[in-house]
Amino acid sequence: MKRTLSLALCCLLGATGAWAANPEAGKKIATEVCAACHGPTGDAPIAPAYPRLAGQYRDYLEKALTDYKTGERQNPIMQGFA
């Protein structure tokens, strides 16, 4: 499961550009930042309102982050990360 989260988040963060050439940077961010709310393996969010990341499709994660970045999807916390 931990591998699933790392892979999903690497793909997600890699799609944003800066981490595309450095999957290890994506893993580090997933471990240090994403896990705080979504759980250490992405399948144990700290609150019901936070989605599970483990098992999500890459295109869903890419779209969600892109929508946070452009403001189409509103969430002050996630917009700061996107």
PDB file of N, CA and C in Angstrom:
ATOM      1  N   MET A   1       0.820  -1.187   0.000  1.00  0.00           N
ATOM      2  CA  MET A   1       0.000   0.000   0.000  1.00  0.00           C
ATOM      3  C   MET A   1       0.871   1.260   0.000  1.00  0.00           C
ATOM      4  N   LYS A   2       1.964   1.245   0.755  1.00  0.00           N
ATOM      5  CA  LYS A   2       2.845   2.408   0.790  1.00  0.00           C
ATOM      6  C   LYS A   2       3.411   2.678  -0.595  1.00  0.00           C
ATOM      7  N   ARG A   3       3.727   1.611  -1.306  1.00  0.00           N
ATOM      8  CA  ARG A   3       4.238   1.764  -2.660  1.00  0.00           C
ATOM      9  C   ARG A   3       3.182   2.395  -3.558  1.00  0.00           C
ATOM     10  N   THR A   4       1.921   2.010  -3.370  1.00  0.00           N
ATOM     11  CA  THR A   4       0.824   2.569  -4.153  1.00  0.00           C
ATOM     12  C   THR A   4       0.730   4.071  -3.951  1.00  0.00           C
ATOM     13  N   LEU A   5       0.805   4.511  -2.686  1.00  0.00           N
ATOM     14  CA  LEU A   5       0.748   5.941  -2.405  1.00  0.00           C
ATOM     15  C   LEU A   5       1.927   6.656  -3.028  1.00  0.00           C
ATOM     16  N   SER A   6       3.118   6.119  -2.837  1.00  0.00           N
ATOM     17  CA  SER A   6       4.307   6.761  -3.393  1.00  0.00           C
ATOM     18  C   SER A   6       4.202   6.874  -4.894  1.00  0.00           C
ATOM     19  N   LEU A   7       3.772   5.796  -5.534  1.00  0.00           N
ATOM     20  CA  LEU A   7       3.636   5.816  -6.979  1.00  0.00           C
ATOM     21  C   LEU A   7       2.584   6.821  -7.425  1.00  0.00           C
ATOM     22  N   ALA A   8       1.438   6.812  -6.760  1.00  0.00           N
ATOM     23  CA  ALA A   8       0.367   7.737  -7.124  1.00  0.00           C
ATOM     24  C   ALA A   8       0.814   9.182  -6.954  1.00  0.00           C
ATOM     25  N   LEU A   9       1.472   9.454  -5.845  1.00  0.00           N
ATOM     26  CA  LEU A   9       1.883  10.826  -5.598  1.00  0.00           C
ATOM     27  C   LEU A   9       3.043  11.251  -6.480  1.00  0.00           C
ATOM     28  N   CYS A  10       3.928  10.334  -6.797  1.00  0.00           N
ATOM     29  CA  CYS A  10       5.002  10.665  -7.737  1.00  0.00           C
ATOM     30  C   CYS A  10       4.416  11.023  -9.099  1.00  0.00           C
ATOM     31  N   CYS A  11       3.446  10.239  -9.520  1.00  0.00           N
ATOM     32  CA  CYS A  11       2.789  10.541 -10.798  1.00  0.00           C
ATOM     33  C   CYS A  11       2.080  11.881 -10.714  1.00  0.00           C
ATOM     34  N   LEU A  12       1.386  12.085  -9.627  1.00  0.00           N
ATOM     35  CA  LEU A  12       0.634  13.320  -9.430  1.00  0.00           C
ATOM     36  C   LEU A  12       1.563  14.520  -9.398  1.00  0.00           C
ATOM     37  N   LEU A  13       2.561  14.458  -8.572  1.00  0.00           N
ATOM     38  CA  LEU A  13       3.477  15.583  -8.452  1.00  0.00           C
ATOM     39  C   LEU A  13       4.339  15.716  -9.693  1.00  0.00           C
ATOM     40  N   GLY A  14       4.668  14.592 -10.300  1.00  0.00           N
ATOM     41  CA  GLY A  14       5.443  14.633 -11.530  1.00  0.00           C
ATOM     42  C   GLY A  14       4.705  15.357 -12.632  1.00  0.00           C
ATOM     43  N   ALA A  15       3.413  15.244 -12.646  1.00  0.00           N
ATOM     44  CA  ALA A  15       2.614  15.884 -13.682  1.00  0.00           C
ATOM     45  C   ALA A  15       2.600  17.392 -13.531  1.00  0.00           C
ATOM     46  N   THR A  16       2.956  17.899 -12.374  1.00  0.00           N
ATOM     47  CA  THR A  16       2.909  19.335 -12.174  1.00  0.00           C
ATOM     48  C   THR A  16       4.125  20.042 -12.747  1.00  0.00           C
ATOM     49  N   GLY A  17       5.115  19.311 -13.221  1.00  0.00           N
ATOM     50  CA  GLY A  17       6.232  19.929 -13.905  1.00  0.00           C
ATOM     51  C   GLY A  17       7.535  19.861 -13.157  1.00  0.00           C
ATOM     52  N   ALA A  18       7.628  20.525 -12.031  1.00  0.00           N
ATOM     53  CA  ALA A  18       8.896  20.649 -11.328  1.00  0.00           C
ATOM     54  C   ALA A  18       9.461  19.303 -10.906  1.00  0.00           C
ATOM     55  N   TRP A  19       8.608  18.346 -10.623  1.00  0.00           N
ATOM     56  CA  TRP A  19       9.086  17.058 -10.139  1.00  0.00           C
ATOM     57  C   TRP A  19       9.117  16.000 -11.232  1.00  0.00           C
ATOM     58  N   ALA A  20       8.822  16.387 -12.451  1.00  0.00           N
ATOM     59  CA  ALA A  20       8.735  15.400 -13.525  1.00  0.00           C
ATOM     60  C   ALA A  20      10.038  14.639 -13.708  1.00  0.00           C
ATOM     61  N   ALA A  21      11.158  15.295 -13.529  1.00  0.00           N
ATOM     62  CA  ALA A  21      12.445  14.646 -13.720  1.00  0.00           C
ATOM     63  C   ALA A  21      13.000  14.052 -12.436  1.00  0.00           C
ATOM     64  N   ASN A  22      12.278  14.188 -11.336  1.00  0.00           N
ATOM     65  CA  ASN A  22      12.806  13.732 -10.060  1.00  0.00           C
ATOM     66  C   ASN A  22      11.734  13.047  -9.219  1.00  0.00           C
ATOM     67  N   PRO A  23      11.485  11.772  -9.493  1.00  0.00           N
ATOM     68  CA  PRO A  23      10.471  11.061  -8.710  1.00  0.00           C
ATOM     69  C   PRO A  23      10.799  11.001  -7.226  1.00  0.00           C
ATOM     70  N   GLU A  24      12.063  11.012  -6.876  1.00  0.00           N
ATOM     71  CA  GLU A  24      12.433  10.976  -5.458  1.00  0.00           C
ATOM     72  C   GLU A  24      11.939  12.223  -4.728  1.00  0.00           C
ATOM     73  N   ALA A  25      11.928  13.359  -5.416  1.00  0.00           N
ATOM     74  CA  ALA A  25      11.393  14.579  -4.807  1.00  0.00           C
ATOM     75  C   ALA A  25       9.901  14.405  -4.528  1.00  0.00           C
ATOM     76  N   GLY A  26       9.189  13.760  -5.448  1.00  0.00           N
ATOM     77  CA  GLY A  26       7.774  13.495  -5.251  1.00  0.00           C
ATOM     78  C   GLY A  26       7.527  12.579  -4.063  1.00  0.00           C
ATOM     79  N   LYS A  27       8.360  11.546  -3.921  1.00  0.00           N
ATOM     80  CA  LYS A  27       8.236  10.633  -2.782  1.00  0.00           C
ATOM     81  C   LYS A  27       8.475  11.363  -1.470  1.00  0.00           C
ATOM     82  N   LYS A  28       9.476  12.240  -1.465  1.00  0.00           N
ATOM     83  CA  LYS A  28       9.794  12.994  -0.247  1.00  0.00           C
ATOM     84  C   LYS A  28       8.620  13.892   0.144  1.00  0.00           C
ATOM     85  N   ILE A  29       8.044  14.567  -0.814  1.00  0.00           N
ATOM     86  CA  ILE A  29       6.912  15.442  -0.531  1.00  0.00           C
ATOM     87  C   ILE A  29       5.722  14.626  -0.038  1.00  0.00           C
ATOM     88  N   ALA A  30       5.476  13.491  -0.691  1.00  0.00           N
ATOM     89  CA  ALA A  30       4.362  12.638  -0.269  1.00  0.00           C
ATOM     90  C   ALA A  30       4.537  12.200   1.170  1.00  0.00           C
ATOM     91  N   THR A  31       5.752  11.849   1.523  1.00  0.00           N
ATOM     92  CA  THR A  31       6.030  11.371   2.876  1.00  0.00           C
ATOM     93  C   THR A  31       5.950  12.495   3.893  1.00  0.00           C
ATOM     94  N   GLU A  32       6.477  13.646   3.556  1.00  0.00           N
ATOM     95  CA  GLU A  32       6.565  14.747   4.514  1.00  0.00           C
ATOM     96  C   GLU A  32       5.331  15.633   4.550  1.00  0.00           C
ATOM     97  N   VAL A  33       4.641  15.769   3.454  1.00  0.00           N
ATOM     98  CA  VAL A  33       3.534  16.719   3.380  1.00  0.00           C
ATOM     99  C   VAL A  33       2.177  16.027   3.263  1.00  0.00           C
ATOM    100  N   CYS A  34       2.004  15.226   2.252  1.00  0.00           N
ATOM    101  CA  CYS A  34       0.698  14.602   1.980  1.00  0.00           C
ATOM    102  C   CYS A  34       0.249  13.688   3.112  1.00  0.00           C
ATOM    103  N   ALA A  35       1.205  12.955   3.679  1.00  0.00           N
ATOM    104  CA  ALA A  35       0.878  11.992   4.733  1.00  0.00           C
ATOM    105  C   ALA A  35       0.278  12.655   5.965  1.00  0.00           C
ATOM    106  N   ALA A  36       0.544  13.918   6.174  1.00  0.00           N
ATOM    107  CA  ALA A  36       0.013  14.613   7.351  1.00  0.00           C
ATOM    108  C   ALA A  36      -1.513  14.585   7.381  1.00  0.00           C
ATOM    109  N   CYS A  37      -2.140  14.664   6.233  1.00  0.00           N
ATOM    110  CA  CYS A  37      -3.605  14.659   6.174  1.00  0.00           C
ATOM    111  C   CYS A  37      -4.174  13.357   5.612  1.00  0.00           C
ATOM    112  N   HIS A  38      -3.460  12.745   4.666  1.00  0.00           N
ATOM    113  CA  HIS A  38      -3.988  11.587   3.955  1.00  0.00           C
ATOM    114  C   HIS A  38      -3.479  10.262   4.518  1.00  0.00           C
ATOM    115  N   GLY A  39      -2.647  10.323   5.540  1.00  0.00           N
ATOM    116  CA  GLY A  39      -2.116   9.111   6.160  1.00  0.00           C
ATOM    117  C   GLY A  39      -0.810   8.691   5.530  1.00  0.00           C
ATOM    118  N   PRO A  40      -0.002   7.941   6.270  1.00  0.00           N
ATOM    119  CA  PRO A  40       1.334   7.575   5.786  1.00  0.00           C
ATOM    120  C   PRO A  40       1.328   6.713   4.533  1.00  0.00           C
ATOM    121  N   THR A  41       0.256   6.018   4.286  1.00  0.00           N
ATOM    122  CA  THR A  41       0.172   5.200   3.074  1.00  0.00           C
ATOM    123  C   THR A  41      -0.905   5.706   2.116  1.00  0.00           C
ATOM    124  N   GLY A  42      -1.492   6.852   2.411  1.00  0.00           N
ATOM    125  CA  GLY A  42      -2.510   7.434   1.537  1.00  0.00           C
ATOM    126  C   GLY A  42      -3.883   6.813   1.668  1.00  0.00           C
ATOM    127  N   ASP A  43      -4.025   5.848   2.563  1.00  0.00           N
ATOM    128  CA  ASP A  43      -5.321   5.204   2.713  1.00  0.00           C
ATOM    129  C   ASP A  43      -5.885   5.345   4.121  1.00  0.00           C
ATOM    130  N   ALA A  44      -5.379   6.326   4.862  1.00  0.00           N
ATOM    131  CA  ALA A  44      -5.854   6.541   6.232  1.00  0.00           C
ATOM    132  C   ALA A  44      -5.939   8.033   6.535  1.00  0.00           C
ATOM    133  N   PRO A  45      -6.855   8.740   5.855  1.00  0.00           N
ATOM    134  CA  PRO A  45      -6.991  10.180   6.097  1.00  0.00           C
ATOM    135  C   PRO A  45      -7.321  10.465   7.568  1.00  0.00           C
ATOM    136  N   ILE A  46      -6.888  11.627   8.037  1.00  0.00           N
ATOM    137  CA  ILE A  46      -7.112  11.978   9.441  1.00  0.00           C
ATOM    138  C   ILE A  46      -8.539  12.438   9.711  1.00  0.00           C
ATOM    139  N   ALA A  47      -9.293  12.732   8.662  1.00  0.00           N
ATOM    140  CA  ALA A  47     -10.686  13.163   8.816  1.00  0.00           C
ATOM    141  C   ALA A  47     -11.497  12.619   7.644  1.00  0.00           C
ATOM    142  N   PRO A  48     -12.774  12.387   7.844  1.00  0.00           N
ATOM    143  CA  PRO A  48     -13.611  11.841   6.770  1.00  0.00           C
ATOM    144  C   PRO A  48     -13.671  12.726   5.522  1.00  0.00           C
ATOM    145  N   ALA A  49     -13.465  14.017   5.686  1.00  0.00           N
ATOM    146  CA  ALA A  49     -13.543  14.927   4.541  1.00  0.00           C
ATOM    147  C   ALA A  49     -12.332  14.818   3.615  1.00  0.00           C
ATOM    148  N   TYR A  50     -11.245  14.215   4.088  1.00  0.00           N
ATOM    149  CA  TYR A  50     -10.036  14.081   3.275  1.00  0.00           C
ATOM    150  C   TYR A  50     -10.102  12.787   2.484  1.00  0.00           C
ATOM    151  N   PRO A  51      -9.842  12.846   1.192  1.00  0.00           N
ATOM    152  CA  PRO A  51      -9.950  11.630   0.376  1.00  0.00           C
ATOM    153  C   PRO A  51      -8.774  10.680   0.571  1.00  0.00           C
ATOM    154  N   ARG A  52      -9.032   9.426   0.267  1.00  0.00           N
ATOM    155  CA  ARG A  52      -7.958   8.436   0.209  1.00  0.00           C
ATOM    156  C   ARG A  52      -7.225   8.667  -1.102  1.00  0.00           C
ATOM    157  N   LEU A  53      -5.912   8.682  -1.061  1.00  0.00           N
ATOM    158  CA  LEU A  53      -5.129   8.846  -2.279  1.00  0.00           C
ATOM    159  C   LEU A  53      -4.692   7.510  -2.856  1.00  0.00           C
ATOM    160  N   ALA A  54      -4.443   6.546  -1.987  1.00  0.00           N
ATOM    161  CA  ALA A  54      -4.012   5.234  -2.447  1.00  0.00           C
ATOM    162  C   ALA A  54      -5.091   4.618  -3.328  1.00  0.00           C
ATOM    163  N   GLY A  55      -4.676   4.129  -4.465  1.00  0.00           N
ATOM    164  CA  GLY A  55      -5.608   3.480  -5.373  1.00  0.00           C
ATOM    165  C   GLY A  55      -6.290   4.407  -6.359  1.00  0.00           C
ATOM    166  N   GLN A  56      -6.069   5.711  -6.231  1.00  0.00           N
ATOM    167  CA  GLN A  56      -6.684   6.643  -7.179  1.00  0.00           C
ATOM    168  C   GLN A  56      -5.994   6.529  -8.537  1.00  0.00           C
ATOM    169  N   TYR A  57      -6.717   6.840  -9.580  1.00  0.00           N
ATOM    170  CA  TYR A  57      -6.144   6.844 -10.913  1.00  0.00           C
ATOM    171  C   TYR A  57      -5.294   8.088 -11.123  1.00  0.00           C
ATOM    172  N   ARG A  58      -4.232   7.925 -11.899  1.00  0.00           N
ATOM    173  CA  ARG A  58      -3.315   9.033 -12.165  1.00  0.00           C
ATOM    174  C   ARG A  58      -4.059  10.234 -12.758  1.00  0.00           C
ATOM    175  N   ASP A  59      -4.935   9.992 -13.740  1.00  0.00           N
ATOM    176  CA  ASP A  59      -5.611  11.116 -14.385  1.00  0.00           C
ATOM    177  C   ASP A  59      -6.516  11.868 -13.417  1.00  0.00           C
ATOM    178  N   TYR A  60      -7.114  11.163 -12.471  1.00  0.00           N
ATOM    179  CA  TYR A  60      -7.931  11.838 -11.453  1.00  0.00           C
ATOM    180  C   TYR A  60      -7.057  12.740 -10.581  1.00  0.00           C
ATOM    181  N   LEU A  61      -5.919  12.208 -10.148  1.00  0.00           N
ATOM    182  CA  LEU A  61      -5.033  12.995  -9.290  1.00  0.00           C
ATOM    183  C   LEU A  61      -4.471  14.200 -10.030  1.00  0.00           C
ATOM    184  N   GLU A  62      -4.091  14.009 -11.286  1.00  0.00           N
ATOM    185  CA  GLU A  62      -3.582  15.125 -12.091  1.00  0.00           C
ATOM    186  C   GLU A  62      -4.641  16.215 -12.233  1.00  0.00           C
ATOM    187  N   LYS A  63      -5.862  15.805 -12.549  1.00  0.00           N
ATOM    188  CA  LYS A  63      -6.951  16.778 -12.734  1.00  0.00           C
ATOM    189  C   LYS A  63      -7.248  17.518 -11.436  1.00  0.00           C
ATOM    190  N   ALA A  64      -7.273  16.791 -10.327  1.00  0.00           N
ATOM    191  CA  ALA A  64      -7.556  17.428  -9.048  1.00  0.00           C
ATOM    192  C   ALA A  64      -6.510  18.498  -8.740  1.00  0.00           C
ATOM    193  N   LEU A  65      -5.235  18.172  -8.896  1.00  0.00           N
ATOM    194  CA  LEU A  65      -4.193  19.159  -8.608  1.00  0.00           C
ATOM    195  C   LEU A  65      -4.235  20.327  -9.581  1.00  0.00           C
ATOM    196  N   THR A  66      -4.479  20.031 -10.836  1.00  0.00           N
ATOM    197  CA  THR A  66      -4.583  21.111 -11.820  1.00  0.00           C
ATOM    198  C   THR A  66      -5.742  22.032 -11.480  1.00  0.00           C
ATOM    199  N   ASP A  67      -6.866  21.461 -11.088  1.00  0.00           N
ATOM    200  CA  ASP A  67      -8.031  22.266 -10.729  1.00  0.00           C
ATOM    201  C   ASP A  67      -7.780  23.103  -9.478  1.00  0.00           C
ATOM    202  N   TYR A  68      -7.040  22.569  -8.520  1.00  0.00           N
ATOM    203  CA  TYR A  68      -6.668  23.380  -7.352  1.00  0.00           C
ATOM    204  C   TYR A  68      -5.759  24.525  -7.778  1.00  0.00           C
ATOM    205  N   LYS A  69      -4.820  24.224  -8.650  1.00  0.00           N
ATOM    206  CA  LYS A  69      -3.850  25.233  -9.088  1.00  0.00           C
ATOM    207  C   LYS A  69      -4.523  26.370  -9.848  1.00  0.00           C
ATOM    208  N   THR A  70      -5.505  26.040 -10.690  1.00  0.00           N
ATOM    209  CA  THR A  70      -6.176  27.063 -11.492  1.00  0.00           C
ATOM    210  C   THR A  70      -7.311  27.762 -10.745  1.00  0.00           C
ATOM    211  N   GLY A  71      -7.708  27.189  -9.604  1.00  0.00           N
ATOM    212  CA  GLY A  71      -8.797  27.777  -8.843  1.00  0.00           C
ATOM    213  C   GLY A  71     -10.160  27.217  -9.202  1.00  0.00           C
ATOM    214  N   GLU A  72     -10.204  26.299 -10.183  1.00  0.00           N
ATOM    215  CA  GLU A  72     -11.486  25.681 -10.550  1.00  0.00           C
ATOM    216  C   GLU A  72     -12.037  24.854  -9.390  1.00  0.00           C
ATOM    217  N   ARG A  73     -11.148  24.280  -8.627  1.00  0.00           N
ATOM    218  CA  ARG A  73     -11.521  23.524  -7.432  1.00  0.00           C
ATOM    219  C   ARG A  73     -11.003  24.310  -6.237  1.00  0.00           C
ATOM    220  N   GLN A  74     -11.877  24.590  -5.296  1.00  0.00           N
ATOM    221  CA  GLN A  74     -11.537  25.478  -4.184  1.00  0.00           C
ATOM    222  C   GLN A  74     -11.239  24.708  -2.896  1.00  0.00           C
ATOM    223  N   ASN A  75     -10.041  24.893  -2.385  1.00  0.00           N
ATOM    224  CA  ASN A  75      -9.641  24.387  -1.086  1.00  0.00           C
ATOM    225  C   ASN A  75      -8.352  25.114  -0.728  1.00  0.00           C
ATOM    226  N   PRO A  76      -8.402  26.016   0.262  1.00  0.00           N
ATOM    227  CA  PRO A  76      -7.231  26.827   0.581  1.00  0.00           C
ATOM    228  C   PRO A  76      -5.981  26.009   0.910  1.00  0.00           C
ATOM    229  N   ILE A  77      -6.152  24.887   1.571  1.00  0.00           N
ATOM    230  CA  ILE A  77      -4.991  24.077   1.923  1.00  0.00           C
ATOM    231  C   ILE A  77      -4.385  23.452   0.665  1.00  0.00           C
ATOM    232  N   MET A  78      -5.208  22.829  -0.137  1.00  0.00           N
ATOM    233  CA  MET A  78      -4.692  22.153  -1.326  1.00  0.00           C
ATOM    234  C   MET A  78      -4.196  23.149  -2.377  1.00  0.00           C
ATOM    235  N   GLN A  79      -4.797  24.317  -2.470  1.00  0.00           N
ATOM    236  CA  GLN A  79      -4.321  25.302  -3.418  1.00  0.00           C
ATOM    237  C   GLN A  79      -2.890  25.719  -3.103  1.00  0.00           C
ATOM    238  N   GLY A  80      -2.554  25.740  -1.822  1.00  0.00           N
ATOM    239  CA  GLY A  80      -1.188  26.064  -1.427  1.00  0.00           C
ATOM    240  C   GLY A  80      -0.193  25.003  -1.864  1.00  0.00           C
ATOM    241  N   PHE A  81      -0.628  23.756  -1.937  1.00  0.00           N
ATOM    242  CA  PHE A  81       0.259  22.678  -2.352  1.00  0.00           C
ATOM    243  C   PHE A  81       0.344  22.538  -3.863  1.00  0.00           C
ATOM    244  N   ALA A  82      -0.742  22.852  -4.538  1.00  0.00           N
ATOM    245  CA  ALA A  82      -0.785  22.686  -5.991  1.00  0.00           C
ATOM    246  C   ALA A  82       0.080  23.736  -6.665  1.00  0.00           C
TER     247      ALA A  82
END
